[in-house]
Amino acid sequence: MSVQIGKKIVGFSVVKNDEETIKEIKEEAQYQEPDVEVEHMHEKVARPEMLVGATYKLKTPLSEHSLYVTINDMVLNPGTEHEIRRPFEVFINSKNMDHFQWIVALTRIVSAVFRKGGDVTFLVEELKAVFDPRGGYFKKGGKYMPSLVAEIGDVIEQHLKMIGLIESDELDEHQKQFIAAKKAEIEGKQASTDAKDAGFPASAELCIKCNTKAMIKMDGCLTCLNCGDSKCG
């Protein structure tokens, strides 16, 4: 039986029988990726029996005893492409009990923020911005710490960089070579016991960017031998 078409043909498709249609649906279903539920850090995540972490030793001029900061991390979605490592808790121990009360309070608050999940990197800037009214101190290497709390914040920053939550701001190889050459040139001109201990010239000024006493005048421009910051851009 013939069918007369009275309108202009603008498109067409081949009609398939039911068996071919069912076969195509089955093939598509086989190649469809299964839904993967990615677990994120939140306050209701159960603490596992074992956590991975690191302990950092802090030796400050404020006490004859060192502080030991331990940060434990939880590995979420282990063994999958979504595996991530997130901070879960922090502990601070020391033989010096002078600061025991506020240190316990600080560790509990920081641990609670860690377990809340989301972006916890803001803690670093908040802690590093705490200034001691009696004045800060220089760490070995010439880095200035405005307070003990700020140094704890500095340790947390190191840890978050290690697990990939904060981007590392390390210098590239060209900058490292340039700064190393300048340091060697300056050390050849002036030798000082203090300079050798700190790793930077004794006449160096404090760098505002990295809080390290490593800013010197180089080629007529103030340049930091630690982070590479330059007043001339």
N, C-alpha and C. Protein backbone atom coordinates (compact mmCIF):
# COMPACT_ATOMS: atom_id res chain seq x y z
N MET A 1 0.86 -1.19 0.00
CA MET A 1 0.00 0.00 0.00
C MET A 1 0.89 1.23 0.00
N SER A 2 0.64 2.12 -0.92
CA SER A 2 1.45 3.32 -1.04
C SER A 2 0.83 4.47 -0.26
N VAL A 3 1.72 5.33 0.30
CA VAL A 3 1.26 6.51 1.06
C VAL A 3 1.75 7.75 0.34
N GLN A 4 0.86 8.66 0.05
CA GLN A 4 1.23 9.89 -0.64
C GLN A 4 1.60 10.95 0.41
N ILE A 5 2.78 11.58 0.22
CA ILE A 5 3.26 12.63 1.14
C ILE A 5 3.00 13.97 0.50
N GLY A 6 2.21 14.78 1.20
CA GLY A 6 1.85 16.07 0.64
C GLY A 6 2.68 17.24 1.16
N LYS A 7 3.55 16.98 2.20
CA LYS A 7 4.38 18.05 2.77
C LYS A 7 5.84 17.80 2.47
N LYS A 8 6.65 18.85 2.66
CA LYS A 8 8.09 18.75 2.42
C LYS A 8 8.74 17.91 3.53
N ILE A 9 9.62 16.99 3.16
CA ILE A 9 10.32 16.14 4.14
C ILE A 9 11.48 16.94 4.74
N VAL A 10 11.48 17.10 6.06
CA VAL A 10 12.54 17.87 6.74
C VAL A 10 13.45 16.96 7.56
N GLY A 11 13.13 15.70 7.69
CA GLY A 11 13.96 14.78 8.46
C GLY A 11 13.37 13.39 8.41
N PHE A 12 14.21 12.43 8.84
CA PHE A 12 13.72 11.05 8.85
C PHE A 12 14.52 10.25 9.86
N SER A 13 14.02 9.12 10.28
CA SER A 13 14.70 8.19 11.17
C SER A 13 14.26 6.78 10.83
N VAL A 14 15.16 5.82 11.12
CA VAL A 14 14.85 4.43 10.82
C VAL A 14 14.13 3.81 12.01
N VAL A 15 13.00 3.22 11.75
CA VAL A 15 12.23 2.58 12.80
C VAL A 15 12.82 1.20 13.07
N LYS A 16 13.16 0.97 14.35
CA LYS A 16 13.75 -0.32 14.72
C LYS A 16 12.70 -1.17 15.43
N ASN A 17 12.91 -2.45 15.34
CA ASN A 17 11.97 -3.33 16.03
C ASN A 17 12.29 -3.34 17.52
N ASP A 18 11.42 -3.91 18.30
CA ASP A 18 11.54 -3.88 19.76
C ASP A 18 12.81 -4.57 20.26
N GLU A 19 13.22 -5.65 19.59
CA GLU A 19 14.39 -6.41 20.03
C GLU A 19 15.67 -5.56 19.92
N GLU A 20 15.81 -4.81 18.80
CA GLU A 20 16.99 -3.96 18.61
C GLU A 20 17.02 -2.83 19.64
N THR A 21 15.85 -2.25 19.93
CA THR A 21 15.77 -1.15 20.90
C THR A 21 16.17 -1.62 22.29
N ILE A 22 15.67 -2.81 22.68
CA ILE A 22 15.99 -3.37 24.00
C ILE A 22 17.48 -3.66 24.11
N LYS A 23 18.08 -4.15 23.02
CA LYS A 23 19.51 -4.48 23.00
C LYS A 23 20.35 -3.22 23.20
N GLU A 24 19.99 -2.12 22.54
CA GLU A 24 20.72 -0.86 22.67
C GLU A 24 20.63 -0.31 24.09
N ILE A 25 19.45 -0.41 24.69
CA ILE A 25 19.26 0.07 26.06
C ILE A 25 20.14 -0.69 27.02
N LYS A 26 20.23 -2.01 26.82
CA LYS A 26 21.07 -2.85 27.68
C LYS A 26 22.55 -2.49 27.54
N GLU A 27 22.99 -2.24 26.29
CA GLU A 27 24.39 -1.90 26.06
C GLU A 27 24.75 -0.56 26.70
N GLU A 28 23.84 0.41 26.59
CA GLU A 28 24.07 1.72 27.22
C GLU A 28 24.14 1.59 28.73
N ALA A 29 23.31 0.75 29.30
CA ALA A 29 23.29 0.56 30.75
C ALA A 29 24.59 -0.07 31.25
N GLN A 30 25.21 -0.94 30.42
CA GLN A 30 26.45 -1.58 30.81
C GLN A 30 27.61 -0.59 30.90
N TYR A 31 27.60 0.40 30.01
CA TYR A 31 28.69 1.38 29.98
C TYR A 31 28.42 2.61 30.85
N GLN A 32 27.28 2.68 31.44
CA GLN A 32 26.95 3.80 32.31
C GLN A 32 27.70 3.67 33.64
N GLU A 33 28.43 4.74 34.04
CA GLU A 33 29.21 4.71 35.26
C GLU A 33 28.30 4.68 36.48
N PRO A 34 28.58 3.80 37.41
CA PRO A 34 27.74 3.75 38.61
C PRO A 34 27.92 5.01 39.46
N ASP A 35 26.89 5.39 40.15
CA ASP A 35 26.96 6.57 41.02
C ASP A 35 27.87 6.29 42.20
N VAL A 36 28.88 7.15 42.37
CA VAL A 36 29.83 7.00 43.48
C VAL A 36 29.55 8.08 44.51
N GLU A 37 29.32 7.67 45.72
CA GLU A 37 29.05 8.63 46.79
C GLU A 37 30.38 9.03 47.43
N VAL A 38 30.78 10.29 47.20
CA VAL A 38 32.05 10.80 47.72
C VAL A 38 31.83 11.32 49.14
N GLU A 39 32.63 10.81 50.07
CA GLU A 39 32.50 11.21 51.46
C GLU A 39 33.35 12.45 51.74
N HIS A 40 32.73 13.44 52.38
CA HIS A 40 33.43 14.66 52.77
C HIS A 40 33.49 14.75 54.29
N MET A 41 34.43 15.56 54.77
CA MET A 41 34.56 15.74 56.21
C MET A 41 33.36 16.50 56.77
N HIS A 42 32.76 15.99 57.83
CA HIS A 42 31.69 16.69 58.54
C HIS A 42 31.70 16.22 59.99
N GLU A 43 31.00 16.93 60.84
CA GLU A 43 31.10 16.70 62.28
C GLU A 43 30.54 15.35 62.73
N LYS A 44 29.79 14.67 61.88
CA LYS A 44 29.21 13.38 62.26
C LYS A 44 30.03 12.19 61.76
N VAL A 45 31.17 12.47 61.11
CA VAL A 45 32.04 11.38 60.65
C VAL A 45 32.63 10.67 61.87
N ALA A 46 32.48 9.36 61.91
CA ALA A 46 32.98 8.58 63.05
C ALA A 46 34.50 8.49 63.01
N ARG A 47 35.12 8.65 64.16
CA ARG A 47 36.58 8.56 64.23
C ARG A 47 37.01 7.11 64.09
N PRO A 48 37.90 6.81 63.14
CA PRO A 48 38.37 5.42 62.99
C PRO A 48 39.32 5.04 64.11
N GLU A 49 39.66 3.77 64.18
CA GLU A 49 40.57 3.29 65.23
C GLU A 49 41.97 3.87 65.06
N MET A 50 42.39 4.12 63.82
CA MET A 50 43.73 4.63 63.58
C MET A 50 43.68 5.85 62.66
N LEU A 51 44.45 6.88 63.01
CA LEU A 51 44.60 8.06 62.18
C LEU A 51 46.07 8.23 61.83
N VAL A 52 46.33 8.85 60.69
CA VAL A 52 47.71 9.16 60.32
C VAL A 52 47.97 10.63 60.65
N GLY A 53 49.22 10.96 60.98
CA GLY A 53 49.50 12.34 61.32
C GLY A 53 50.98 12.61 61.45
N ALA A 54 51.30 13.76 62.03
CA ALA A 54 52.69 14.17 62.21
C ALA A 54 52.81 14.99 63.49
N THR A 55 53.99 14.92 64.12
CA THR A 55 54.27 15.68 65.33
C THR A 55 55.39 16.67 65.05
N TYR A 56 55.17 17.92 65.45
CA TYR A 56 56.13 18.99 65.21
C TYR A 56 56.68 19.51 66.55
N LYS A 57 57.97 19.68 66.61
CA LYS A 57 58.62 20.17 67.83
C LYS A 57 58.81 21.68 67.74
N LEU A 58 58.35 22.39 68.77
CA LEU A 58 58.51 23.84 68.85
C LEU A 58 59.42 24.18 70.02
N LYS A 59 60.51 24.86 69.73
CA LYS A 59 61.41 25.33 70.78
C LYS A 59 61.39 26.85 70.75
N THR A 60 60.81 27.45 71.79
CA THR A 60 60.67 28.90 71.82
C THR A 60 61.48 29.48 72.98
N PRO A 61 61.86 30.77 72.88
CA PRO A 61 62.57 31.42 73.98
C PRO A 61 61.67 31.72 75.18
N LEU A 62 60.38 31.43 75.06
CA LEU A 62 59.43 31.71 76.14
C LEU A 62 59.48 30.64 77.22
N SER A 63 60.08 29.49 76.91
CA SER A 63 60.12 28.39 77.87
C SER A 63 61.35 27.53 77.63
N GLU A 64 61.86 26.95 78.71
CA GLU A 64 63.01 26.06 78.56
C GLU A 64 62.59 24.69 78.02
N HIS A 65 61.29 24.41 78.08
CA HIS A 65 60.78 23.14 77.58
C HIS A 65 60.12 23.31 76.21
N SER A 66 60.31 22.33 75.34
CA SER A 66 59.73 22.37 74.00
C SER A 66 58.24 22.03 74.04
N LEU A 67 57.54 22.48 73.01
CA LEU A 67 56.15 22.09 72.81
C LEU A 67 56.10 21.10 71.65
N TYR A 68 55.21 20.12 71.73
CA TYR A 68 55.06 19.12 70.67
C TYR A 68 53.63 19.20 70.16
N VAL A 69 53.51 19.60 68.90
CA VAL A 69 52.19 19.75 68.27
C VAL A 69 51.94 18.54 67.36
N THR A 70 50.90 17.77 67.68
CA THR A 70 50.53 16.60 66.88
C THR A 70 49.23 16.86 66.14
N ILE A 71 49.25 16.71 64.83
CA ILE A 71 48.05 16.89 64.01
C ILE A 71 47.75 15.55 63.33
N ASN A 72 46.58 15.01 63.63
CA ASN A 72 46.15 13.73 63.04
C ASN A 72 45.15 13.99 61.91
N ASP A 73 45.27 13.20 60.85
CA ASP A 73 44.40 13.36 59.68
C ASP A 73 43.55 12.12 59.45
N MET A 74 42.40 12.35 58.82
CA MET A 74 41.55 11.24 58.41
C MET A 74 41.64 11.10 56.89
N VAL A 75 41.79 9.87 56.43
CA VAL A 75 41.83 9.60 54.99
C VAL A 75 40.42 9.24 54.55
N LEU A 76 39.82 10.09 53.72
CA LEU A 76 38.46 9.86 53.24
C LEU A 76 38.49 9.19 51.86
N ASN A 77 37.52 8.34 51.59
CA ASN A 77 37.41 7.61 50.32
C ASN A 77 38.70 6.87 49.97
N PRO A 78 39.24 6.09 50.92
CA PRO A 78 40.51 5.41 50.66
C PRO A 78 40.42 4.40 49.53
N GLY A 79 41.48 4.33 48.74
CA GLY A 79 41.54 3.37 47.65
C GLY A 79 40.77 3.76 46.41
N THR A 80 40.20 4.98 46.37
CA THR A 80 39.46 5.44 45.20
C THR A 80 40.15 6.67 44.62
N GLU A 81 39.66 7.10 43.46
CA GLU A 81 40.23 8.30 42.84
C GLU A 81 39.85 9.56 43.62
N HIS A 82 38.90 9.43 44.54
CA HIS A 82 38.46 10.57 45.35
C HIS A 82 39.15 10.59 46.73
N GLU A 83 40.20 9.80 46.89
CA GLU A 83 40.88 9.74 48.20
C GLU A 83 41.48 11.09 48.56
N ILE A 84 41.17 11.56 49.74
CA ILE A 84 41.71 12.83 50.23
C ILE A 84 42.09 12.70 51.70
N ARG A 85 43.00 13.55 52.12
CA ARG A 85 43.46 13.54 53.51
C ARG A 85 43.09 14.88 54.14
N ARG A 86 42.36 14.81 55.25
CA ARG A 86 41.88 16.04 55.89
C ARG A 86 42.22 16.02 57.39
N PRO A 87 42.60 17.18 57.95
CA PRO A 87 42.94 17.23 59.38
C PRO A 87 41.71 16.92 60.23
N PHE A 88 41.93 16.17 61.31
CA PHE A 88 40.81 15.74 62.15
C PHE A 88 40.94 16.25 63.58
N GLU A 89 42.18 16.26 64.13
CA GLU A 89 42.36 16.68 65.52
C GLU A 89 43.78 17.16 65.74
N VAL A 90 43.96 17.95 66.79
CA VAL A 90 45.29 18.45 67.13
C VAL A 90 45.51 18.33 68.64
N PHE A 91 46.72 17.97 69.02
CA PHE A 91 47.11 17.89 70.44
C PHE A 91 48.41 18.65 70.64
N ILE A 92 48.56 19.29 71.79
CA ILE A 92 49.79 20.01 72.13
C ILE A 92 50.24 19.56 73.52
N ASN A 93 51.46 19.06 73.60
CA ASN A 93 52.01 18.58 74.88
C ASN A 93 53.31 19.29 75.21
N SER A 94 53.56 19.44 76.51
CA SER A 94 54.82 20.04 76.98
C SER A 94 54.98 19.77 78.46
N LYS A 95 56.24 19.79 78.91
CA LYS A 95 56.52 19.67 80.35
C LYS A 95 56.13 20.95 81.07
N ASN A 96 56.12 22.05 80.34
CA ASN A 96 55.76 23.34 80.91
C ASN A 96 54.24 23.46 81.03
N MET A 97 53.75 23.60 82.23
CA MET A 97 52.30 23.65 82.46
C MET A 97 51.77 25.08 82.59
N ASP A 98 52.62 26.08 82.34
CA ASP A 98 52.20 27.47 82.51
C ASP A 98 51.03 27.84 81.61
N HIS A 99 51.03 27.30 80.40
CA HIS A 99 49.99 27.66 79.43
C HIS A 99 48.97 26.55 79.24
N PHE A 100 48.92 25.62 80.17
CA PHE A 100 48.10 24.41 79.99
C PHE A 100 46.63 24.72 79.70
N GLN A 101 46.04 25.64 80.45
CA GLN A 101 44.60 25.89 80.34
C GLN A 101 44.21 26.40 78.95
N TRP A 102 44.91 27.44 78.46
CA TRP A 102 44.50 27.98 77.16
C TRP A 102 44.94 27.09 76.01
N ILE A 103 45.98 26.31 76.20
CA ILE A 103 46.42 25.38 75.15
C ILE A 103 45.38 24.28 74.95
N VAL A 104 44.84 23.74 76.06
CA VAL A 104 43.78 22.72 75.96
C VAL A 104 42.56 23.31 75.26
N ALA A 105 42.19 24.54 75.64
CA ALA A 105 41.04 25.20 75.01
C ALA A 105 41.28 25.39 73.51
N LEU A 106 42.49 25.82 73.16
CA LEU A 106 42.82 26.06 71.75
C LEU A 106 42.75 24.77 70.93
N THR A 107 43.31 23.69 71.46
CA THR A 107 43.31 22.43 70.71
C THR A 107 41.89 21.89 70.51
N ARG A 108 41.03 22.08 71.51
CA ARG A 108 39.65 21.58 71.38
C ARG A 108 38.89 22.39 70.32
N ILE A 109 39.11 23.71 70.32
CA ILE A 109 38.40 24.55 69.34
C ILE A 109 38.89 24.26 67.93
N VAL A 110 40.21 24.18 67.76
CA VAL A 110 40.78 23.91 66.43
C VAL A 110 40.33 22.53 65.93
N SER A 111 40.33 21.52 66.82
CA SER A 111 39.89 20.18 66.44
C SER A 111 38.43 20.19 66.02
N ALA A 112 37.60 20.96 66.73
CA ALA A 112 36.18 21.05 66.38
C ALA A 112 35.98 21.68 65.01
N VAL A 113 36.79 22.70 64.68
CA VAL A 113 36.72 23.33 63.36
C VAL A 113 37.16 22.35 62.28
N PHE A 114 38.22 21.58 62.55
CA PHE A 114 38.68 20.56 61.60
C PHE A 114 37.56 19.59 61.26
N ARG A 115 36.85 19.13 62.30
CA ARG A 115 35.82 18.11 62.09
C ARG A 115 34.56 18.67 61.44
N LYS A 116 34.40 19.97 61.46
CA LYS A 116 33.26 20.60 60.77
C LYS A 116 33.38 20.44 59.27
N GLY A 117 34.63 20.35 58.80
CA GLY A 117 34.86 20.22 57.36
C GLY A 117 34.83 21.56 56.66
N GLY A 118 34.78 21.52 55.35
CA GLY A 118 34.81 22.76 54.57
C GLY A 118 36.23 23.33 54.51
N ASP A 119 36.31 24.62 54.25
CA ASP A 119 37.61 25.28 54.16
C ASP A 119 38.08 25.67 55.55
N VAL A 120 39.11 24.96 56.05
CA VAL A 120 39.62 25.23 57.40
C VAL A 120 40.92 26.02 57.37
N THR A 121 41.34 26.44 56.16
CA THR A 121 42.63 27.13 56.04
C THR A 121 42.61 28.51 56.68
N PHE A 122 41.41 29.08 56.91
CA PHE A 122 41.33 30.41 57.52
C PHE A 122 41.93 30.42 58.93
N LEU A 123 41.99 29.25 59.58
CA LEU A 123 42.55 29.15 60.92
C LEU A 123 44.00 29.63 60.95
N VAL A 124 44.73 29.35 59.89
CA VAL A 124 46.15 29.72 59.83
C VAL A 124 46.32 31.22 59.99
N GLU A 125 45.59 31.99 59.18
CA GLU A 125 45.73 33.46 59.23
C GLU A 125 45.23 34.01 60.56
N GLU A 126 44.16 33.42 61.10
CA GLU A 126 43.62 33.90 62.38
C GLU A 126 44.64 33.72 63.50
N LEU A 127 45.29 32.55 63.55
CA LEU A 127 46.26 32.28 64.61
C LEU A 127 47.54 33.08 64.42
N LYS A 128 47.99 33.21 63.17
CA LYS A 128 49.23 33.95 62.90
C LYS A 128 49.08 35.44 63.13
N ALA A 129 47.84 35.90 63.25
CA ALA A 129 47.60 37.34 63.46
C ALA A 129 47.51 37.69 64.95
N VAL A 130 47.75 36.70 65.84
CA VAL A 130 47.71 36.97 67.29
C VAL A 130 49.07 37.50 67.74
N PHE A 131 49.07 38.67 68.37
CA PHE A 131 50.30 39.31 68.82
C PHE A 131 50.38 39.31 70.34
N ASP A 132 51.55 39.01 70.85
CA ASP A 132 51.79 39.03 72.29
C ASP A 132 52.10 40.47 72.70
N PRO A 133 51.35 41.05 73.67
CA PRO A 133 51.61 42.44 74.09
C PRO A 133 53.01 42.64 74.66
N ARG A 134 53.65 41.56 75.10
CA ARG A 134 55.02 41.66 75.63
C ARG A 134 56.07 41.62 74.52
N GLY A 135 55.61 41.36 73.31
CA GLY A 135 56.54 41.30 72.17
C GLY A 135 56.75 39.89 71.69
N GLY A 136 57.15 39.76 70.44
CA GLY A 136 57.39 38.46 69.85
C GLY A 136 58.85 38.05 69.94
N TYR A 137 59.25 37.13 69.09
CA TYR A 137 60.62 36.61 69.11
C TYR A 137 60.98 36.08 67.74
N PHE A 138 62.29 35.90 67.53
CA PHE A 138 62.78 35.34 66.28
C PHE A 138 63.08 33.86 66.47
N LYS A 139 62.60 33.06 65.52
CA LYS A 139 62.93 31.63 65.50
C LYS A 139 64.33 31.45 64.94
N LYS A 140 64.87 30.27 65.11
CA LYS A 140 66.14 29.95 64.49
C LYS A 140 65.97 30.02 62.97
N GLY A 141 66.82 30.79 62.34
CA GLY A 141 66.67 31.02 60.90
C GLY A 141 66.21 32.43 60.61
N GLY A 142 65.83 33.16 61.67
CA GLY A 142 65.50 34.57 61.50
C GLY A 142 64.04 34.88 61.27
N LYS A 143 63.15 33.88 61.32
CA LYS A 143 61.73 34.15 61.09
C LYS A 143 61.09 34.69 62.35
N TYR A 144 60.37 35.81 62.20
CA TYR A 144 59.76 36.48 63.36
C TYR A 144 58.40 35.87 63.68
N MET A 145 58.20 35.60 64.97
CA MET A 145 56.92 35.10 65.46
C MET A 145 56.35 36.10 66.46
N PRO A 146 55.18 36.69 66.17
CA PRO A 146 54.61 37.70 67.07
C PRO A 146 54.08 37.12 68.38
N SER A 147 53.90 35.79 68.45
CA SER A 147 53.40 35.17 69.68
C SER A 147 53.55 33.66 69.57
N LEU A 148 53.34 32.97 70.69
CA LEU A 148 53.36 31.51 70.69
C LEU A 148 52.18 30.96 69.89
N VAL A 149 51.04 31.62 70.00
CA VAL A 149 49.85 31.20 69.24
C VAL A 149 50.14 31.30 67.74
N ALA A 150 50.85 32.36 67.34
CA ALA A 150 51.19 32.54 65.93
C ALA A 150 52.09 31.42 65.44
N GLU A 151 53.00 30.95 66.32
CA GLU A 151 53.88 29.86 65.90
C GLU A 151 53.10 28.54 65.76
N ILE A 152 52.10 28.35 66.61
CA ILE A 152 51.22 27.17 66.45
C ILE A 152 50.48 27.26 65.12
N GLY A 153 50.04 28.48 64.78
CA GLY A 153 49.40 28.69 63.47
C GLY A 153 50.35 28.40 62.32
N ASP A 154 51.63 28.75 62.51
CA ASP A 154 52.64 28.50 61.49
C ASP A 154 52.84 26.99 61.28
N VAL A 155 52.79 26.22 62.38
CA VAL A 155 52.92 24.76 62.30
C VAL A 155 51.72 24.16 61.56
N ILE A 156 50.53 24.65 61.88
CA ILE A 156 49.33 24.16 61.19
C ILE A 156 49.42 24.46 59.70
N GLU A 157 49.95 25.63 59.36
CA GLU A 157 50.12 25.98 57.94
C GLU A 157 51.07 25.00 57.25
N GLN A 158 52.19 24.67 57.91
CA GLN A 158 53.13 23.70 57.34
C GLN A 158 52.44 22.37 57.07
N HIS A 159 51.60 21.95 58.04
CA HIS A 159 50.94 20.65 57.90
C HIS A 159 49.91 20.67 56.77
N LEU A 160 49.15 21.76 56.67
CA LEU A 160 48.14 21.85 55.61
C LEU A 160 48.80 21.91 54.23
N LYS A 161 49.99 22.47 54.16
CA LYS A 161 50.73 22.46 52.89
C LYS A 161 51.17 21.04 52.57
N MET A 162 51.59 20.30 53.60
CA MET A 162 52.07 18.94 53.39
C MET A 162 50.98 18.02 52.84
N ILE A 163 49.73 18.20 53.31
CA ILE A 163 48.65 17.33 52.86
C ILE A 163 47.90 17.91 51.65
N GLY A 164 48.34 19.07 51.18
CA GLY A 164 47.79 19.62 49.95
C GLY A 164 46.60 20.54 50.10
N LEU A 165 46.26 20.95 51.32
CA LEU A 165 45.13 21.87 51.51
C LEU A 165 45.52 23.31 51.20
N ILE A 166 46.79 23.63 51.39
CA ILE A 166 47.30 24.96 51.06
C ILE A 166 48.41 24.80 50.03
N GLU A 167 48.37 25.65 49.01
CA GLU A 167 49.40 25.59 47.98
C GLU A 167 50.73 26.03 48.55
N SER A 168 51.77 25.29 48.22
CA SER A 168 53.11 25.65 48.68
C SER A 168 53.62 26.83 47.87
N ASP A 169 54.23 27.80 48.57
CA ASP A 169 54.74 29.00 47.89
C ASP A 169 56.26 28.95 47.74
N GLU A 170 56.77 27.75 47.50
CA GLU A 170 58.22 27.59 47.35
C GLU A 170 58.70 28.30 46.09
N LEU A 171 59.96 28.75 46.15
CA LEU A 171 60.56 29.42 45.01
C LEU A 171 60.87 28.41 43.92
N ASP A 172 60.87 28.88 42.66
CA ASP A 172 61.26 27.97 41.58
C ASP A 172 62.79 27.83 41.56
N GLU A 173 63.30 26.93 40.73
CA GLU A 173 64.72 26.63 40.72
C GLU A 173 65.57 27.85 40.34
N HIS A 174 65.08 28.66 39.42
CA HIS A 174 65.83 29.85 39.00
C HIS A 174 65.98 30.83 40.16
N GLN A 175 64.87 31.05 40.90
CA GLN A 175 64.92 31.97 42.05
C GLN A 175 65.84 31.42 43.14
N LYS A 176 65.78 30.10 43.38
CA LYS A 176 66.64 29.49 44.39
C LYS A 176 68.12 29.67 44.05
N GLN A 177 68.47 29.47 42.79
CA GLN A 177 69.85 29.61 42.36
C GLN A 177 70.32 31.05 42.48
N PHE A 178 69.44 31.99 42.12
CA PHE A 178 69.78 33.41 42.20
C PHE A 178 70.05 33.84 43.64
N ILE A 179 69.14 33.43 44.55
CA ILE A 179 69.28 33.80 45.96
C ILE A 179 70.49 33.13 46.58
N ALA A 180 70.74 31.86 46.22
CA ALA A 180 71.90 31.14 46.75
C ALA A 180 73.19 31.83 46.33
N ALA A 181 73.24 32.31 45.08
CA ALA A 181 74.43 33.00 44.59
C ALA A 181 74.65 34.31 45.33
N LYS A 182 73.55 35.03 45.59
CA LYS A 182 73.67 36.31 46.30
C LYS A 182 74.09 36.09 47.76
N LYS A 183 73.54 35.04 48.38
CA LYS A 183 73.93 34.73 49.77
C LYS A 183 75.41 34.40 49.86
N ALA A 184 75.90 33.62 48.89
CA ALA A 184 77.32 33.26 48.88
C ALA A 184 78.19 34.49 48.67
N GLU A 185 77.70 35.40 47.84
CA GLU A 185 78.46 36.64 47.57
C GLU A 185 78.56 37.51 48.81
N ILE A 186 77.44 37.60 49.55
CA ILE A 186 77.41 38.43 50.76
C ILE A 186 78.23 37.80 51.88
N GLU A 187 78.11 36.47 52.02
CA GLU A 187 78.86 35.77 53.06
C GLU A 187 80.37 35.90 52.84
N GLY A 188 80.73 36.05 51.56
CA GLY A 188 82.15 36.23 51.27
C GLY A 188 82.65 37.59 51.67
N LYS A 189 81.73 38.57 51.68
CA LYS A 189 82.12 39.94 52.02
C LYS A 189 82.11 40.17 53.53
N GLN A 190 81.15 39.57 54.23
CA GLN A 190 81.06 39.80 55.67
C GLN A 190 80.76 38.50 56.39
N ALA A 191 81.62 38.14 57.30
CA ALA A 191 81.43 36.93 58.11
C ALA A 191 81.06 37.33 59.52
N SER A 192 80.01 36.70 60.02
CA SER A 192 79.56 36.99 61.38
C SER A 192 79.00 35.71 61.98
N THR A 193 79.26 35.48 63.27
CA THR A 193 78.75 34.28 63.94
C THR A 193 77.23 34.26 63.91
N ASP A 194 76.63 35.42 64.18
CA ASP A 194 75.17 35.50 64.18
C ASP A 194 74.62 35.23 62.79
N ALA A 195 75.33 35.77 61.79
CA ALA A 195 74.86 35.60 60.43
C ALA A 195 74.89 34.14 60.02
N LYS A 196 75.94 33.45 60.42
CA LYS A 196 76.06 32.03 60.06
C LYS A 196 75.00 31.21 60.75
N ASP A 197 74.71 31.52 62.02
CA ASP A 197 73.69 30.78 62.76
C ASP A 197 72.32 30.96 62.13
N ALA A 198 72.00 32.18 61.73
CA ALA A 198 70.68 32.47 61.19
C ALA A 198 70.57 32.05 59.73
N GLY A 199 71.72 32.00 59.03
CA GLY A 199 71.68 31.68 57.62
C GLY A 199 71.56 32.90 56.74
N PHE A 200 71.41 34.10 57.35
CA PHE A 200 71.28 35.34 56.62
C PHE A 200 72.23 36.37 57.23
N PRO A 201 72.59 37.41 56.48
CA PRO A 201 73.51 38.43 57.03
C PRO A 201 72.97 39.07 58.29
N ALA A 202 73.88 39.44 59.20
CA ALA A 202 73.48 40.04 60.47
C ALA A 202 72.80 41.39 60.26
N SER A 203 73.12 42.06 59.15
CA SER A 203 72.54 43.39 58.88
C SER A 203 71.19 43.32 58.18
N ALA A 204 70.69 42.10 57.94
CA ALA A 204 69.43 41.95 57.21
C ALA A 204 68.26 42.54 57.99
N GLU A 205 67.29 43.06 57.26
CA GLU A 205 66.08 43.64 57.85
C GLU A 205 64.94 42.62 57.81
N LEU A 206 63.88 42.93 58.54
CA LEU A 206 62.73 42.03 58.60
C LEU A 206 61.89 42.16 57.34
N CYS A 207 61.61 41.01 56.71
CA CYS A 207 60.74 40.99 55.53
C CYS A 207 59.28 40.94 55.98
N ILE A 208 58.48 41.86 55.49
CA ILE A 208 57.07 41.93 55.88
C ILE A 208 56.28 40.75 55.33
N LYS A 209 56.70 40.23 54.17
CA LYS A 209 55.93 39.16 53.53
C LYS A 209 56.07 37.83 54.27
N CYS A 210 57.32 37.44 54.61
CA CYS A 210 57.52 36.11 55.23
C CYS A 210 57.95 36.19 56.69
N ASN A 211 58.02 37.43 57.24
CA ASN A 211 58.39 37.63 58.66
C ASN A 211 59.76 37.05 59.01
N THR A 212 60.67 37.08 58.05
CA THR A 212 62.02 36.57 58.29
C THR A 212 63.02 37.71 58.16
N LYS A 213 64.00 37.73 59.04
CA LYS A 213 65.02 38.77 59.01
C LYS A 213 66.03 38.42 57.92
N ALA A 214 65.62 38.67 56.69
CA ALA A 214 66.44 38.26 55.54
C ALA A 214 66.40 39.28 54.41
N MET A 215 65.90 40.49 54.69
CA MET A 215 65.79 41.52 53.66
C MET A 215 67.08 42.34 53.60
N ILE A 216 67.74 42.31 52.44
CA ILE A 216 68.98 43.05 52.27
C ILE A 216 68.91 43.88 50.99
N LYS A 217 69.82 44.84 50.89
CA LYS A 217 69.88 45.66 49.69
C LYS A 217 70.73 44.95 48.66
N MET A 218 70.13 44.63 47.52
CA MET A 218 70.81 43.85 46.49
C MET A 218 70.62 44.55 45.16
N ASP A 219 71.70 44.93 44.51
CA ASP A 219 71.64 45.63 43.22
C ASP A 219 70.79 46.89 43.34
N GLY A 220 70.93 47.57 44.48
CA GLY A 220 70.20 48.82 44.69
C GLY A 220 68.76 48.66 45.06
N CYS A 221 68.34 47.44 45.41
CA CYS A 221 66.93 47.19 45.72
C CYS A 221 66.81 46.23 46.90
N LEU A 222 65.90 46.52 47.83
CA LEU A 222 65.68 45.63 48.97
C LEU A 222 65.06 44.33 48.50
N THR A 223 65.74 43.21 48.78
CA THR A 223 65.27 41.89 48.34
C THR A 223 65.40 40.90 49.50
N CYS A 224 64.39 40.03 49.66
CA CYS A 224 64.40 39.03 50.72
C CYS A 224 65.12 37.78 50.24
N LEU A 225 66.10 37.35 51.03
CA LEU A 225 66.87 36.14 50.69
C LEU A 225 66.12 34.86 51.06
N ASN A 226 64.97 35.00 51.72
CA ASN A 226 64.20 33.81 52.13
C ASN A 226 63.06 33.51 51.16
N CYS A 227 62.25 34.54 50.85
CA CYS A 227 61.08 34.31 50.00
C CYS A 227 61.22 34.95 48.62
N GLY A 228 62.26 35.77 48.41
CA GLY A 228 62.47 36.38 47.10
C GLY A 228 61.70 37.65 46.86
N ASP A 229 60.93 38.13 47.86
CA ASP A 229 60.16 39.36 47.69
C ASP A 229 61.11 40.53 47.45
N SER A 230 60.73 41.39 46.50
CA SER A 230 61.59 42.52 46.15
C SER A 230 60.77 43.81 46.14
N LYS A 231 61.36 44.89 46.65
CA LYS A 231 60.67 46.17 46.65
C LYS A 231 60.61 46.79 45.25
N CYS A 232 61.42 46.23 44.36
CA CYS A 232 61.43 46.74 42.98
C CYS A 232 60.55 45.90 42.07
N GLY A 233 59.84 44.94 42.67
CA GLY A 233 58.95 44.09 41.88
C GLY A 233 59.72 42.95 41.22
